[in-house]
Amino acid sequence: MQAETFDTVILGAGAAGMMCAIHAASRGGRVLVVDHARSPGEKIRISGGGRCNFTNTGTTPRNFLSANPHFAKSALGRYTPRDFITLVEKHGITYHEKTLGQLFCDHSAKDIIAMLLNEMARMGCEVRLATTLEGIEKAEDGFSVTLGGDGAARIQCRHFVVACGGKSIPKMGATGFGYQIADQFGLAVTDTRAALVPLTFGEDVLAGFREIAGVAADARVSCGKMAFDEALLFTHRGLSGPAILQISSYWREKHPIRIAFLPKDDVFAALVASKRENGRRSVANALSEILPKRLASHLAETHGWSGTMGETTDKKLASIAATIQGWEVFPIGSEGYRTAEVTLGGVDTAGLNSRTMETKAIEGLYFIGEVVDVTGWLGGYNFQWAWASGWAAGTAIAERQA
């Protein structure tokens, strides 16, 4: 089989891979994007409830976890949310801010996929779907690549970019294959775990949670020094909702999380006022005036808060308020990669150039996006890392072709 020649081969037709392709081809380089899926941008398509939370206007390096918290600064500083918004506006895609700087498409996440495919087509990029990487070896002037599936071929390329993501959402085809490539070429991979994921509990706690499954409440959820003020949701399996997904990236086994309902309110003052207004109402009924009714009943039953408000001393009310704003629960695990939005950890940034995303030891080999040990908070941050790291690698490749 005659080997085909490309300047750049990119493994992964996701957010980072497609962004990289656009910029790698911007100065005439021949670029091939390969993915084992039958459609490009599958994680984009399902993100944000089908509307794609494509960036966050408040993005800073502080919104990311990494063994090296400084690594992401270069890419994020040079390709900003405003840069991606400009591209979105150029294609006439309308969008809105939902909350906390999170931008969503008005119409569909498919608009973002179409935008990226149009930009790739304009730059002359080739895409081969339902195509697998069967092998890659370092060659004298780049890499020898063997592809299988619908796009089977032998290929020679100067640059090879790994953009195939992490292990999260395996039903979308995620495998962690990128870590195997890193290992093949001698790059370290940090410990990985499911992140932005619902937390699960033992049966003793879960029995109570099942009774209030579907109840949502605003809360401050903390673990150690990290805390997030967003909604949480009780489910049949444990706890979910934005606040829980956020803290899951910081939680570790055998540690509690602390839940503070009504974090901005003076709950004790509210309970004292309620007692003075009507001392005959039950504690549970009084709590239902400031919390969802089913949650109020659950907390009262769980902690033995019985009797009327008039019978409850102010000292006891202070204790109740402290529990409502400092409820400790011990998760036993998470729902894992099946429902995790991202993978925490990845290719060790110590082996990568933060400006170009190229490996320090092997010229022409790049790692971008989720496969790298840079993990964002919930709310569009991981997409911004995909755009920024893809841009950084693609721009560096294009500059070599100038």
Protein backbone atom coordinates (compact mmCIF):
# COMPACT_ATOMS: atom_id res chain seq x y z
CA MET A 1 0.00 0.00 0.00
CA GLN A 2 1.42 3.37 -1.06
CA ALA A 3 1.84 5.72 1.89
CA GLU A 4 -0.11 8.97 1.80
CA THR A 5 1.58 12.15 2.96
CA PHE A 6 0.16 14.81 5.26
CA ASP A 7 1.81 17.63 7.14
CA THR A 8 -0.37 16.93 10.18
CA VAL A 9 -2.53 14.05 11.40
CA ILE A 10 -4.90 14.78 14.28
CA LEU A 11 -6.41 11.91 16.27
CA GLY A 12 -9.84 13.04 17.45
CA ALA A 13 -12.58 15.03 15.73
CA GLY A 14 -13.76 16.70 18.93
CA ALA A 15 -13.55 20.30 20.06
CA ALA A 16 -9.78 20.46 20.50
CA GLY A 17 -8.97 18.39 17.42
CA MET A 18 -11.15 20.38 15.04
CA MET A 19 -9.89 23.71 16.39
CA CYS A 20 -6.32 22.51 15.97
CA ALA A 21 -7.00 21.41 12.39
CA ILE A 22 -8.37 24.81 11.40
CA HIS A 23 -5.24 26.61 12.54
CA ALA A 24 -2.71 23.95 11.52
CA ALA A 25 -4.00 24.25 7.95
CA SER A 26 -4.15 28.06 7.96
CA ARG A 27 -0.86 28.44 6.08
CA GLY A 28 -1.41 25.74 3.51
CA GLY A 29 -0.42 22.63 5.43
CA ARG A 30 -2.19 19.40 4.49
CA VAL A 31 -4.18 18.24 7.53
CA LEU A 32 -6.04 14.97 8.21
CA VAL A 33 -8.42 14.52 11.14
CA VAL A 34 -9.19 10.94 12.15
CA ASP A 35 -11.89 9.65 14.53
CA HIS A 36 -13.31 6.21 15.26
CA ALA A 37 -16.81 7.69 15.69
CA ARG A 38 -19.20 7.96 12.75
CA SER A 39 -19.95 11.62 13.43
CA PRO A 40 -17.63 14.48 14.44
CA GLY A 41 -18.03 16.47 17.64
CA GLU A 42 -20.21 13.98 19.51
CA LYS A 43 -19.45 15.46 22.95
CA ILE A 44 -20.22 18.91 21.59
CA ARG A 45 -23.57 17.64 20.32
CA ILE A 46 -24.76 16.37 23.71
CA SER A 47 -23.28 19.15 25.82
CA GLY A 48 -25.35 21.76 27.59
CA GLY A 49 -28.57 19.82 27.11
CA GLY A 50 -28.04 20.03 23.34
CA ARG A 51 -27.30 23.76 23.40
CA CYS A 52 -23.51 23.56 24.06
CA ASN A 53 -22.11 25.70 26.86
CA PHE A 54 -19.29 26.66 24.49
CA THR A 55 -17.28 28.98 26.74
CA ASN A 56 -17.30 31.01 29.94
CA THR A 57 -16.63 34.74 29.81
CA GLY A 58 -14.99 34.63 33.24
CA THR A 59 -12.36 32.04 32.36
CA THR A 60 -9.08 32.28 34.28
CA PRO A 61 -6.41 29.67 35.09
CA ARG A 62 -7.91 29.52 38.59
CA ASN A 63 -10.89 27.66 37.11
CA PHE A 64 -8.74 24.62 36.30
CA LEU A 65 -7.18 21.72 38.20
CA SER A 66 -3.72 20.46 37.25
CA ALA A 67 -0.59 19.17 38.95
CA ASN A 68 0.95 22.35 37.49
CA PRO A 69 -1.61 25.15 37.96
CA HIS A 70 0.51 27.50 35.85
CA PHE A 71 0.58 25.31 32.73
CA ALA A 72 -2.72 26.49 31.23
CA LYS A 73 -1.90 30.20 31.55
CA SER A 74 -0.15 30.55 28.20
CA ALA A 75 -2.82 29.01 25.97
CA LEU A 76 -5.75 30.52 27.90
CA GLY A 77 -4.11 33.94 27.86
CA ARG A 78 -3.46 33.91 24.11
CA TYR A 79 -6.79 32.45 22.95
CA THR A 80 -9.55 33.94 25.07
CA PRO A 81 -13.33 33.47 25.30
CA ARG A 82 -13.66 36.70 23.32
CA ASP A 83 -11.68 35.14 20.46
CA PHE A 84 -14.05 32.18 20.27
CA ILE A 85 -17.12 34.41 20.61
CA THR A 86 -15.85 36.40 17.62
CA LEU A 87 -15.74 33.18 15.58
CA VAL A 88 -19.26 32.25 16.73
CA GLU A 89 -20.58 35.69 15.77
CA LYS A 90 -18.82 35.53 12.39
CA HIS A 91 -20.91 32.45 11.60
CA GLY A 92 -24.14 34.12 12.71
CA ILE A 93 -24.70 31.79 15.64
CA THR A 94 -26.89 33.46 18.24
CA TYR A 95 -26.24 32.74 21.90
CA HIS A 96 -27.17 33.78 25.42
CA GLU A 97 -25.63 33.90 28.87
CA LYS A 98 -27.38 31.50 31.20
CA THR A 99 -25.62 32.22 34.50
CA LEU A 100 -22.13 32.87 35.89
CA GLY A 101 -20.66 33.75 32.49
CA GLN A 102 -21.85 30.52 30.83
CA LEU A 103 -22.65 31.03 27.12
CA PHE A 104 -25.05 28.69 25.29
CA CYS A 105 -26.27 28.49 21.70
CA ASP A 106 -29.81 29.79 21.25
CA HIS A 107 -30.60 27.06 18.75
CA SER A 108 -28.44 23.94 18.90
CA ALA A 109 -25.00 22.57 19.73
CA LYS A 110 -24.97 21.34 16.15
CA ASP A 111 -24.39 24.95 15.10
CA ILE A 112 -20.95 24.83 16.76
CA ILE A 113 -20.12 21.53 15.03
CA ALA A 114 -21.22 22.94 11.66
CA MET A 115 -19.13 26.07 12.26
CA LEU A 116 -16.00 24.02 12.94
CA LEU A 117 -16.59 21.73 9.95
CA ASN A 118 -17.14 24.76 7.69
CA GLU A 119 -13.90 26.34 8.90
CA MET A 120 -12.05 23.07 8.36
CA ALA A 121 -13.47 22.73 4.85
CA ARG A 122 -12.48 26.32 4.08
CA MET A 123 -8.92 25.47 5.12
CA GLY A 124 -8.89 22.28 3.04
CA CYS A 125 -8.76 19.82 5.96
CA GLU A 126 -9.68 16.19 5.33
CA VAL A 127 -11.78 14.22 7.85
CA ARG A 128 -11.96 10.44 8.02
CA LEU A 129 -14.60 9.03 10.35
CA ALA A 130 -15.18 5.42 11.46
CA THR A 131 -11.40 5.20 11.20
CA THR A 132 -9.09 3.77 13.85
CA LEU A 133 -5.44 4.27 14.67
CA GLU A 134 -3.81 0.86 14.36
CA GLY A 135 -0.25 1.99 14.94
CA ILE A 136 2.12 4.94 15.12
CA GLU A 137 5.91 4.91 15.03
CA LYS A 138 8.53 7.65 15.04
CA ALA A 139 10.09 8.00 11.61
CA GLU A 140 13.12 9.91 10.34
CA ASP A 141 11.08 12.94 9.34
CA GLY A 142 7.99 12.67 11.50
CA PHE A 143 5.73 9.68 12.02
CA SER A 144 4.54 6.54 10.25
CA VAL A 145 0.83 6.04 10.94
CA THR A 146 -1.34 3.02 10.19
CA LEU A 147 -5.10 3.56 10.00
CA GLY A 148 -7.87 0.96 9.97
CA GLY A 149 -11.61 1.00 9.41
CA ASP A 150 -13.31 3.05 6.70
CA GLY A 151 -10.27 5.29 6.22
CA ALA A 152 -7.63 2.54 6.27
CA ALA A 153 -4.26 3.77 5.00
CA ARG A 154 -0.56 4.07 5.63
CA ILE A 155 0.41 7.67 6.24
CA GLN A 156 3.59 9.68 6.69
CA CYS A 157 3.25 12.96 8.57
CA ARG A 158 5.51 15.59 10.13
CA HIS A 159 3.17 16.37 13.03
CA PHE A 160 0.91 14.07 15.02
CA VAL A 161 -1.63 15.56 17.43
CA VAL A 162 -3.38 13.49 20.11
CA ALA A 163 -6.81 15.04 20.75
CA CYS A 164 -8.88 11.96 21.57
CA GLY A 165 -10.04 13.05 25.03
CA GLY A 166 -10.18 11.12 28.29
CA LYS A 167 -12.28 8.27 29.65
CA SER A 168 -15.50 10.16 30.40
CA ILE A 169 -18.79 9.05 28.79
CA PRO A 170 -17.66 5.74 27.26
CA LYS A 171 -21.00 5.34 25.46
CA MET A 172 -19.77 8.17 23.22
CA GLY A 173 -16.68 6.12 22.42
CA ALA A 174 -14.27 7.43 25.06
CA THR A 175 -11.49 4.94 25.85
CA GLY A 176 -8.47 6.71 27.29
CA PHE A 177 -6.52 5.62 24.19
CA GLY A 178 -4.51 8.85 24.30
CA TYR A 179 -2.85 7.72 27.52
CA GLN A 180 -1.61 4.58 25.76
CA ILE A 181 0.02 6.72 23.07
CA ALA A 182 1.64 8.86 25.77
CA ASP A 183 2.98 5.72 27.43
CA GLN A 184 4.31 4.41 24.12
CA PHE A 185 6.39 7.53 23.68
CA GLY A 186 7.60 7.65 27.27
CA LEU A 187 5.37 10.43 28.59
CA ALA A 188 4.11 10.23 32.14
CA VAL A 189 0.37 10.18 32.85
CA THR A 190 -0.95 11.41 36.18
CA ASP A 191 -3.59 9.46 38.11
CA THR A 192 -6.96 9.82 36.44
CA ARG A 193 -10.47 9.74 37.89
CA ALA A 194 -14.01 10.70 36.95
CA ALA A 195 -14.76 14.38 37.54
CA LEU A 196 -17.81 16.65 37.27
CA VAL A 197 -19.79 13.59 38.28
CA PRO A 198 -22.67 12.78 40.69
CA LEU A 199 -21.67 11.36 44.08
CA THR A 200 -23.03 8.12 45.53
CA PHE A 201 -23.77 7.08 49.13
CA GLY A 202 -24.14 4.05 51.34
CA GLU A 203 -27.56 2.50 51.84
CA ASP A 204 -27.95 4.06 55.30
CA VAL A 205 -27.91 7.55 53.77
CA LEU A 206 -29.38 6.62 50.40
CA ALA A 207 -32.61 5.30 51.90
CA GLY A 208 -33.43 8.81 53.04
CA PHE A 209 -32.27 10.45 49.82
CA ARG A 210 -34.58 8.23 47.77
CA GLU A 211 -37.57 9.65 49.64
CA ILE A 212 -36.69 13.16 48.45
CA ALA A 213 -35.36 12.24 44.98
CA GLY A 214 -36.06 15.06 42.58
CA VAL A 215 -35.80 17.80 45.22
CA ALA A 216 -33.40 20.61 44.29
CA ALA A 217 -32.10 23.36 46.54
CA ASP A 218 -29.53 26.14 46.40
CA ALA A 219 -26.56 25.40 48.62
CA ARG A 220 -22.90 26.00 49.28
CA VAL A 221 -21.16 22.65 48.95
CA SER A 222 -17.61 22.44 50.24
CA CYS A 223 -14.78 19.98 50.60
CA GLY A 224 -11.66 21.15 52.32
CA LYS A 225 -10.96 24.72 51.25
CA MET A 226 -13.03 24.58 48.05
CA ALA A 227 -16.69 25.61 47.98
CA PHE A 228 -19.29 26.19 45.28
CA ASP A 229 -22.56 28.10 45.58
CA GLU A 230 -24.97 26.45 43.15
CA ALA A 231 -27.93 24.09 43.12
CA LEU A 232 -27.78 20.49 44.30
CA LEU A 233 -30.21 17.71 43.44
CA PHE A 234 -31.21 14.65 45.45
CA THR A 235 -31.45 11.50 43.30
CA HIS A 236 -32.18 7.79 43.76
CA ARG A 237 -28.41 7.18 43.57
CA GLY A 238 -27.17 10.07 45.73
CA LEU A 239 -26.46 13.72 45.03
CA SER A 240 -26.14 15.56 41.75
CA GLY A 241 -26.66 19.09 40.44
CA PRO A 242 -24.08 21.77 39.58
CA ALA A 243 -22.71 22.25 43.11
CA ILE A 244 -22.12 18.51 43.53
CA LEU A 245 -20.54 18.09 40.08
CA GLN A 246 -18.18 20.95 40.87
CA ILE A 247 -17.08 19.62 44.25
CA SER A 248 -16.65 16.08 42.88
CA SER A 249 -13.40 17.20 41.24
CA TYR A 250 -11.99 17.97 44.70
CA TRP A 251 -13.61 15.23 46.79
CA ARG A 252 -11.66 12.09 47.68
CA GLU A 253 -12.75 8.82 49.26
CA LYS A 254 -13.23 8.71 53.06
CA HIS A 255 -13.70 12.48 53.22
CA PRO A 256 -16.99 14.27 53.90
CA ILE A 257 -18.59 17.08 51.95
CA ARG A 258 -20.31 19.88 53.82
CA ILE A 259 -23.67 21.25 52.64
CA ALA A 260 -24.85 24.69 53.67
CA PHE A 261 -28.43 25.38 52.60
CA LEU A 262 -29.40 29.05 52.32
CA PRO A 263 -25.72 30.06 52.54
CA LYS A 264 -26.40 33.79 52.30
CA ASP A 265 -29.24 33.85 54.84
CA ASP A 266 -29.34 34.11 58.63
CA VAL A 267 -31.23 30.88 59.25
CA PHE A 268 -31.17 31.24 63.03
CA ALA A 269 -32.77 34.69 62.83
CA ALA A 270 -35.43 33.31 60.46
CA LEU A 271 -36.25 30.48 62.87
CA VAL A 272 -36.47 32.80 65.88
CA ALA A 273 -38.82 35.09 63.96
CA SER A 274 -40.93 32.10 62.95
CA LYS A 275 -41.12 30.98 66.59
CA ARG A 276 -42.34 34.39 67.69
CA GLU A 277 -44.88 34.57 64.88
CA ASN A 278 -46.45 31.17 65.53
CA GLY A 279 -45.06 28.97 68.29
CA ARG A 280 -47.67 26.27 67.66
CA ARG A 281 -46.36 25.19 64.28
CA SER A 282 -44.05 22.17 64.14
CA VAL A 283 -40.34 22.56 63.54
CA ALA A 284 -40.72 20.73 60.20
CA ASN A 285 -43.46 23.14 59.08
CA ALA A 286 -41.35 26.13 60.12
CA LEU A 287 -38.43 24.79 58.11
CA SER A 288 -40.68 24.27 55.08
CA GLU A 289 -41.09 28.05 54.93
CA ILE A 290 -37.41 28.47 54.08
CA LEU A 291 -36.59 25.11 52.47
CA PRO A 292 -38.39 22.81 49.99
CA LYS A 293 -41.11 21.03 52.01
CA ARG A 294 -39.86 17.48 51.40
CA LEU A 295 -36.31 18.48 52.27
CA ALA A 296 -37.49 20.20 55.45
CA SER A 297 -39.38 17.07 56.52
CA HIS A 298 -36.39 14.86 55.71
CA LEU A 299 -33.96 16.99 57.73
CA ALA A 300 -36.36 17.15 60.69
CA GLU A 301 -36.87 13.38 60.67
CA THR A 302 -33.17 12.58 60.14
CA HIS A 303 -32.02 14.80 63.00
CA GLY A 304 -34.95 14.22 65.37
CA TRP A 305 -36.25 17.80 65.30
CA SER A 306 -39.72 17.18 66.75
CA GLY A 307 -42.17 19.24 68.72
CA THR A 308 -43.44 22.76 68.17
CA MET A 309 -41.45 25.91 67.68
CA GLY A 310 -42.73 27.23 71.01
CA GLU A 311 -41.29 24.17 72.78
CA THR A 312 -37.91 24.59 71.09
CA THR A 313 -35.36 26.72 72.91
CA ASP A 314 -33.34 29.36 71.09
CA LYS A 315 -30.25 27.28 71.84
CA LYS A 316 -31.85 24.35 70.03
CA LEU A 317 -32.85 26.61 67.13
CA ALA A 318 -29.23 27.76 66.90
CA SER A 319 -28.17 24.11 66.71
CA ILE A 320 -30.76 23.42 63.98
CA ALA A 321 -29.55 26.44 62.00
CA ALA A 322 -25.94 25.27 62.34
CA THR A 323 -26.86 21.86 60.98
CA ILE A 324 -28.82 23.30 58.05
CA GLN A 325 -25.79 25.39 57.15
CA GLY A 326 -23.17 22.77 57.99
CA TRP A 327 -24.60 19.32 57.17
CA GLU A 328 -21.78 16.80 56.73
CA VAL A 329 -22.35 13.73 54.59
CA PHE A 330 -19.87 11.05 53.53
CA PRO A 331 -20.04 9.92 49.88
CA ILE A 332 -18.73 6.42 49.23
CA GLY A 333 -17.96 7.02 45.57
CA SER A 334 -19.17 8.55 42.33
CA GLU A 335 -21.17 7.36 39.35
CA GLY A 336 -17.85 7.02 37.52
CA TYR A 337 -16.93 7.64 33.92
CA ARG A 338 -20.38 6.56 32.72
CA THR A 339 -21.84 9.95 33.64
CA ALA A 340 -18.70 12.04 34.30
CA GLU A 341 -18.44 15.13 32.13
CA VAL A 342 -14.63 15.09 32.14
CA THR A 343 -11.60 13.11 33.23
CA LEU A 344 -9.46 14.57 36.00
CA GLY A 345 -5.73 14.12 35.37
CA GLY A 346 -4.07 13.01 32.16
CA VAL A 347 -0.82 13.45 30.26
CA ASP A 348 1.65 15.06 32.66
CA THR A 349 2.20 18.68 31.68
CA ALA A 350 5.84 18.42 32.78
CA GLY A 351 6.50 16.72 29.45
CA LEU A 352 4.75 19.37 27.33
CA ASN A 353 5.61 22.86 26.12
CA SER A 354 2.89 25.14 27.53
CA ARG A 355 3.10 27.51 24.56
CA THR A 356 2.83 24.94 21.77
CA MET A 357 1.48 21.76 23.48
CA GLU A 358 4.33 19.86 21.80
CA THR A 359 6.13 17.17 23.76
CA LYS A 360 9.53 18.28 24.96
CA ALA A 361 11.22 15.00 24.12
CA ILE A 362 9.71 14.19 20.71
CA GLU A 363 9.54 16.83 18.01
CA GLY A 364 6.23 16.95 16.17
CA LEU A 365 4.14 15.10 18.78
CA TYR A 366 1.39 17.14 20.48
CA PHE A 367 -1.27 16.50 23.14
CA ILE A 368 -4.27 18.83 23.49
CA GLY A 369 -7.67 19.07 25.18
CA GLU A 370 -9.01 16.69 27.80
CA VAL A 371 -6.24 14.11 27.37
CA VAL A 372 -3.89 16.57 29.10
CA ASP A 373 -3.75 17.05 32.88
CA VAL A 374 -5.80 20.26 32.75
CA THR A 375 -9.40 19.93 33.97
CA GLY A 376 -11.86 22.80 34.13
CA TRP A 377 -14.79 23.57 36.36
CA LEU A 378 -18.34 23.03 35.17
CA GLY A 379 -19.67 25.87 33.05
CA GLY A 380 -17.90 26.08 29.68
CA TYR A 381 -14.34 26.08 31.01
CA ASN A 382 -13.38 22.71 29.50
CA PHE A 383 -14.51 23.83 26.06
CA GLN A 384 -12.44 26.98 26.43
CA TRP A 385 -9.42 24.81 27.25
CA ALA A 386 -10.17 22.72 24.15
CA TRP A 387 -10.32 25.82 21.93
CA ALA A 388 -7.22 27.39 23.50
CA SER A 389 -5.01 24.29 23.53
CA GLY A 390 -6.12 23.37 20.00
CA TRP A 391 -5.37 26.90 18.83
CA ALA A 392 -1.94 26.84 20.52
CA ALA A 393 -0.89 23.59 18.84
CA GLY A 394 -2.40 24.45 15.47
CA THR A 395 -0.79 27.88 15.41
CA ALA A 396 2.60 26.43 16.36
CA ILE A 397 2.34 23.87 13.55
CA ALA A 398 1.32 26.52 11.02
CA GLU A 399 4.25 28.74 12.01
CA ARG A 400 6.64 25.91 11.14
CA GLN A 401 5.14 25.77 7.67
CA ALA A 402 5.47 29.51 7.04
